[in-house]
């Protein structure tokens, strides 16, 4: 990430770089909302069914 951010900031400016690099982070955040495995992290563990 930093290997690309430095030259990108030099070429296009810091404001444009922050905007360009924030879009993938926003997409990852929105995608995480729809991932069931992440939504279930705060759930209490289910009771053991007694089967080893």
PDB file of N, CA and C in Angstrom:
ATOM      1  N   UNK A   1       0.811  -1.192   0.000  1.00  0.00           N
ATOM      2  CA  UNK A   1       0.000   0.000   0.000  1.00  0.00           C
ATOM      3  C   UNK A   1       0.852   1.251   0.000  1.00  0.00           C
ATOM      4  N   UNK A   2       1.860   1.292   0.858  1.00  0.00           N
ATOM      5  CA  UNK A   2       2.698   2.486   0.939  1.00  0.00           C
ATOM      6  C   UNK A   2       3.588   2.627  -0.288  1.00  0.00           C
ATOM      7  N   UNK A   3       3.900   1.514  -0.929  1.00  0.00           N
ATOM      8  CA  UNK A   3       4.719   1.565  -2.141  1.00  0.00           C
ATOM      9  C   UNK A   3       3.975   2.318  -3.240  1.00  0.00           C
ATOM     10  N   UNK A   4       2.660   2.164  -3.290  1.00  0.00           N
ATOM     11  CA  UNK A   4       1.857   2.859  -4.293  1.00  0.00           C
ATOM     12  C   UNK A   4       1.439   4.252  -3.844  1.00  0.00           C
ATOM     13  N   UNK A   5       1.234   4.447  -2.548  1.00  0.00           N
ATOM     14  CA  UNK A   5       0.698   5.714  -2.054  1.00  0.00           C
ATOM     15  C   UNK A   5       1.678   6.866  -2.248  1.00  0.00           C
ATOM     16  N   UNK A   6       2.957   6.620  -2.024  1.00  0.00           N
ATOM     17  CA  UNK A   6       3.950   7.687  -2.166  1.00  0.00           C
ATOM     18  C   UNK A   6       4.012   8.251  -3.577  1.00  0.00           C
ATOM     19  N   UNK A   7       4.265   7.421  -4.581  1.00  0.00           N
ATOM     20  CA  UNK A   7       4.302   7.941  -5.948  1.00  0.00           C
ATOM     21  C   UNK A   7       2.963   8.516  -6.411  1.00  0.00           C
ATOM     22  N   UNK A   8       1.861   7.921  -5.958  1.00  0.00           N
ATOM     23  CA  UNK A   8       0.548   8.449  -6.325  1.00  0.00           C
ATOM     24  C   UNK A   8       0.346   9.839  -5.738  1.00  0.00           C
ATOM     25  N   UNK A   9       0.768  10.043  -4.500  1.00  0.00           N
ATOM     26  CA  UNK A   9       0.646  11.358  -3.867  1.00  0.00           C
ATOM     27  C   UNK A   9       1.537  12.380  -4.561  1.00  0.00           C
ATOM     28  N   UNK A  10       2.716  11.963  -4.967  1.00  0.00           N
ATOM     29  CA  UNK A  10       3.606  12.884  -5.681  1.00  0.00           C
ATOM     30  C   UNK A  10       3.044  13.263  -7.041  1.00  0.00           C
ATOM     31  N   UNK A  11       2.438  12.311  -7.716  1.00  0.00           N
ATOM     32  CA  UNK A  11       1.953  12.557  -9.072  1.00  0.00           C
ATOM     33  C   UNK A  11       0.640  13.330  -9.104  1.00  0.00           C
ATOM     34  N   UNK A  12      -0.277  13.015  -8.198  1.00  0.00           N
ATOM     35  CA  UNK A  12      -1.615  13.603  -8.321  1.00  0.00           C
ATOM     36  C   UNK A  12      -2.021  14.487  -7.155  1.00  0.00           C
ATOM     37  N   UNK A  13      -1.229  14.545  -6.117  1.00  0.00           N
ATOM     38  CA  UNK A  13      -1.565  15.382  -4.977  1.00  0.00           C
ATOM     39  C   UNK A  13      -2.152  14.559  -3.839  1.00  0.00           C
ATOM     40  N   UNK A  14      -2.032  15.093  -2.646  1.00  0.00           N
ATOM     41  CA  UNK A  14      -2.441  14.362  -1.458  1.00  0.00           C
ATOM     42  C   UNK A  14      -3.950  14.187  -1.369  1.00  0.00           C
ATOM     43  N   UNK A  15      -4.704  15.225  -1.703  1.00  0.00           N
ATOM     44  CA  UNK A  15      -6.166  15.146  -1.619  1.00  0.00           C
ATOM     45  C   UNK A  15      -6.706  14.062  -2.551  1.00  0.00           C
ATOM     46  N   UNK A  16      -6.224  14.027  -3.764  1.00  0.00           N
ATOM     47  CA  UNK A  16      -6.664  13.024  -4.735  1.00  0.00           C
ATOM     48  C   UNK A  16      -6.256  11.622  -4.290  1.00  0.00           C
ATOM     49  N   UNK A  17      -5.065  11.505  -3.715  1.00  0.00           N
ATOM     50  CA  UNK A  17      -4.602  10.205  -3.232  1.00  0.00           C
ATOM     51  C   UNK A  17      -5.489   9.691  -2.114  1.00  0.00           C
ATOM     52  N   UNK A  18      -5.820  10.550  -1.144  1.00  0.00           N
ATOM     53  CA  UNK A  18      -6.706  10.126  -0.058  1.00  0.00           C
ATOM     54  C   UNK A  18      -8.063   9.700  -0.593  1.00  0.00           C
ATOM     55  N   UNK A  19      -8.581  10.424  -1.548  1.00  0.00           N
ATOM     56  CA  UNK A  19      -9.872  10.071  -2.132  1.00  0.00           C
ATOM     57  C   UNK A  19      -9.779   8.735  -2.872  1.00  0.00           C
ATOM     58  N   UNK A  20      -8.748   8.556  -3.667  1.00  0.00           N
ATOM     59  CA  UNK A  20      -8.599   7.323  -4.448  1.00  0.00           C
ATOM     60  C   UNK A  20      -8.400   6.105  -3.545  1.00  0.00           C
ATOM     61  N   UNK A  21      -7.684   6.262  -2.445  1.00  0.00           N
ATOM     62  CA  UNK A  21      -7.423   5.128  -1.564  1.00  0.00           C
ATOM     63  C   UNK A  21      -8.550   4.890  -0.565  1.00  0.00           C
ATOM     64  N   UNK A  22      -9.436   5.863  -0.406  1.00  0.00           N
ATOM     65  CA  UNK A  22     -10.566   5.661   0.506  1.00  0.00           C
ATOM     66  C   UNK A  22     -11.689   4.862  -0.157  1.00  0.00           C
ATOM     67  N   UNK A  23     -11.776   4.887  -1.461  1.00  0.00           N
ATOM     68  CA  UNK A  23     -12.848   4.165  -2.149  1.00  0.00           C
ATOM     69  C   UNK A  23     -12.769   2.648  -1.952  1.00  0.00           C
ATOM     70  N   UNK A  24     -11.594   2.015  -2.063  1.00  0.00           N
ATOM     71  CA  UNK A  24     -11.545   0.575  -1.768  1.00  0.00           C
ATOM     72  C   UNK A  24     -11.871   0.267  -0.303  1.00  0.00           C
ATOM     73  N   UNK A  25     -11.454   1.138   0.613  1.00  0.00           N
ATOM     74  CA  UNK A  25     -11.769   0.921   2.028  1.00  0.00           C
ATOM     75  C   UNK A  25     -13.271   1.008   2.264  1.00  0.00           C
ATOM     76  N   UNK A  26     -13.928   1.934   1.603  1.00  0.00           N
ATOM     77  CA  UNK A  26     -15.380   2.058   1.716  1.00  0.00           C
ATOM     78  C   UNK A  26     -16.060   0.816   1.150  1.00  0.00           C
ATOM     79  N   UNK A  27     -15.584   0.326   0.025  1.00  0.00           N
ATOM     80  CA  UNK A  27     -16.164  -0.877  -0.578  1.00  0.00           C
ATOM     81  C   UNK A  27     -15.994  -2.089   0.339  1.00  0.00           C
ATOM     82  N   UNK A  28     -14.838  -2.211   0.990  1.00  0.00           N
ATOM     83  CA  UNK A  28     -14.622  -3.323   1.918  1.00  0.00           C
ATOM     84  C   UNK A  28     -15.540  -3.214   3.131  1.00  0.00           C
ATOM     85  N   UNK A  29     -15.752  -2.010   3.621  1.00  0.00           N
ATOM     86  CA  UNK A  29     -16.656  -1.816   4.751  1.00  0.00           C
ATOM     87  C   UNK A  29     -18.083  -2.177   4.413  1.00  0.00           C
ATOM     88  N   UNK A  30     -18.535  -1.789   3.237  1.00  0.00           N
ATOM     89  CA  UNK A  30     -19.897  -2.119   2.809  1.00  0.00           C
ATOM     90  C   UNK A  30     -20.026  -3.623   2.585  1.00  0.00           C
ATOM     91  N   UNK A  31     -19.015  -4.239   2.002  1.00  0.00           N
ATOM     92  CA  UNK A  31     -19.057  -5.688   1.773  1.00  0.00           C
ATOM     93  C   UNK A  31     -19.082  -6.450   3.092  1.00  0.00           C
ATOM     94  N   UNK A  32     -18.391  -5.946   4.109  1.00  0.00           N
ATOM     95  CA  UNK A  32     -18.350  -6.624   5.404  1.00  0.00           C
ATOM     96  C   UNK A  32     -19.722  -6.677   6.059  1.00  0.00           C
ATOM     97  N   UNK A  33     -20.568  -5.700   5.785  1.00  0.00           N
ATOM     98  CA  UNK A  33     -21.912  -5.683   6.363  1.00  0.00           C
ATOM     99  C   UNK A  33     -22.716  -6.888   5.886  1.00  0.00           C
ATOM    100  N   UNK A  34     -22.453  -7.349   4.690  1.00  0.00           N
ATOM    101  CA  UNK A  34     -23.230  -8.439   4.104  1.00  0.00           C
ATOM    102  C   UNK A  34     -22.606  -9.823   4.312  1.00  0.00           C
ATOM    103  N   UNK A  35     -21.515  -9.916   5.055  1.00  0.00           N
ATOM    104  CA  UNK A  35     -20.863 -11.205   5.310  1.00  0.00           C
ATOM    105  C   UNK A  35     -21.420 -11.811   6.592  1.00  0.00           C
ATOM    106  N   UNK A  36     -22.124 -12.943   6.472  1.00  0.00           N
ATOM    107  CA  UNK A  36     -22.737 -13.556   7.654  1.00  0.00           C
ATOM    108  C   UNK A  36     -21.719 -13.930   8.735  1.00  0.00           C
ATOM    109  N   UNK A  37     -20.547 -14.366   8.346  1.00  0.00           N
ATOM    110  CA  UNK A  37     -19.542 -14.764   9.337  1.00  0.00           C
ATOM    111  C   UNK A  37     -19.145 -13.589  10.225  1.00  0.00           C
ATOM    112  N   UNK A  38     -19.084 -12.402   9.669  1.00  0.00           N
ATOM    113  CA  UNK A  38     -18.730 -11.229  10.462  1.00  0.00           C
ATOM    114  C   UNK A  38     -19.889 -10.769  11.330  1.00  0.00           C
ATOM    115  N   UNK A  39     -21.114 -10.907  10.831  1.00  0.00           N
ATOM    116  CA  UNK A  39     -22.276 -10.503  11.626  1.00  0.00           C
ATOM    117  C   UNK A  39     -22.460 -11.399  12.833  1.00  0.00           C
ATOM    118  N   UNK A  40     -22.045 -12.652  12.740  1.00  0.00           N
ATOM    119  CA  UNK A  40     -22.252 -13.613  13.819  1.00  0.00           C
ATOM    120  C   UNK A  40     -21.144 -13.596  14.865  1.00  0.00           C
ATOM    121  N   UNK A  41     -20.150 -12.744  14.734  1.00  0.00           N
ATOM    122  CA  UNK A  41     -19.040 -12.728  15.678  1.00  0.00           C
ATOM    123  C   UNK A  41     -19.488 -12.367  17.090  1.00  0.00           C
ATOM    124  N   UNK A  42     -20.462 -11.482  17.243  1.00  0.00           N
ATOM    125  CA  UNK A  42     -20.906 -11.047  18.562  1.00  0.00           C
ATOM    126  C   UNK A  42     -21.955 -11.955  19.173  1.00  0.00           C
ATOM    127  N   UNK A  43     -22.447 -12.934  18.448  1.00  0.00           N
ATOM    128  CA  UNK A  43     -23.470 -13.835  18.980  1.00  0.00           C
ATOM    129  C   UNK A  43     -22.879 -14.734  20.060  1.00  0.00           C
ATOM    130  N   UNK A  44     -23.735 -15.100  21.006  1.00  0.00           N
ATOM    131  CA  UNK A  44     -23.331 -16.048  22.042  1.00  0.00           C
ATOM    132  C   UNK A  44     -23.130 -17.418  21.402  1.00  0.00           C
ATOM    133  N   UNK A  45     -22.155 -18.176  21.878  1.00  0.00           N
ATOM    134  CA  UNK A  45     -21.995 -19.529  21.338  1.00  0.00           C
ATOM    135  C   UNK A  45     -23.209 -20.387  21.681  1.00  0.00           C
ATOM    136  N   UNK A  46     -23.580 -21.243  20.741  1.00  0.00           N
ATOM    137  CA  UNK A  46     -24.733 -22.117  20.970  1.00  0.00           C
ATOM    138  C   UNK A  46     -24.375 -23.201  21.977  1.00  0.00           C
ATOM    139  N   UNK A  47     -25.397 -23.674  22.674  1.00  0.00           N
ATOM    140  CA  UNK A  47     -25.188 -24.737  23.657  1.00  0.00           C
ATOM    141  C   UNK A  47     -24.716 -26.002  22.953  1.00  0.00           C
ATOM    142  N   UNK A  48     -23.855 -26.725  23.599  1.00  0.00           N
ATOM    143  CA  UNK A  48     -23.327 -27.964  23.038  1.00  0.00           C
ATOM    144  C   UNK A  48     -24.441 -29.004  22.968  1.00  0.00           C
ATOM    145  N   UNK A  49     -24.529 -29.684  21.863  1.00  0.00           N
ATOM    146  CA  UNK A  49     -25.599 -30.663  21.673  1.00  0.00           C
ATOM    147  C   UNK A  49     -25.296 -31.992  22.354  1.00  0.00           C
ATOM    148  N   UNK A  50     -24.115 -32.165  22.917  1.00  0.00           N
ATOM    149  CA  UNK A  50     -23.761 -33.394  23.604  1.00  0.00           C
ATOM    150  C   UNK A  50     -23.139 -34.436  22.709  1.00  0.00           C
ATOM    151  N   UNK A  51     -23.028 -34.159  21.444  1.00  0.00           N
ATOM    152  CA  UNK A  51     -22.416 -35.101  20.501  1.00  0.00           C
ATOM    153  C   UNK A  51     -20.927 -34.775  20.421  1.00  0.00           C
ATOM    154  N   UNK A  52     -20.048 -35.748  20.715  1.00  0.00           N
ATOM    155  CA  UNK A  52     -18.595 -35.461  20.715  1.00  0.00           C
ATOM    156  C   UNK A  52     -18.038 -35.217  19.348  1.00  0.00           C
TER     157      UNK A  52
END
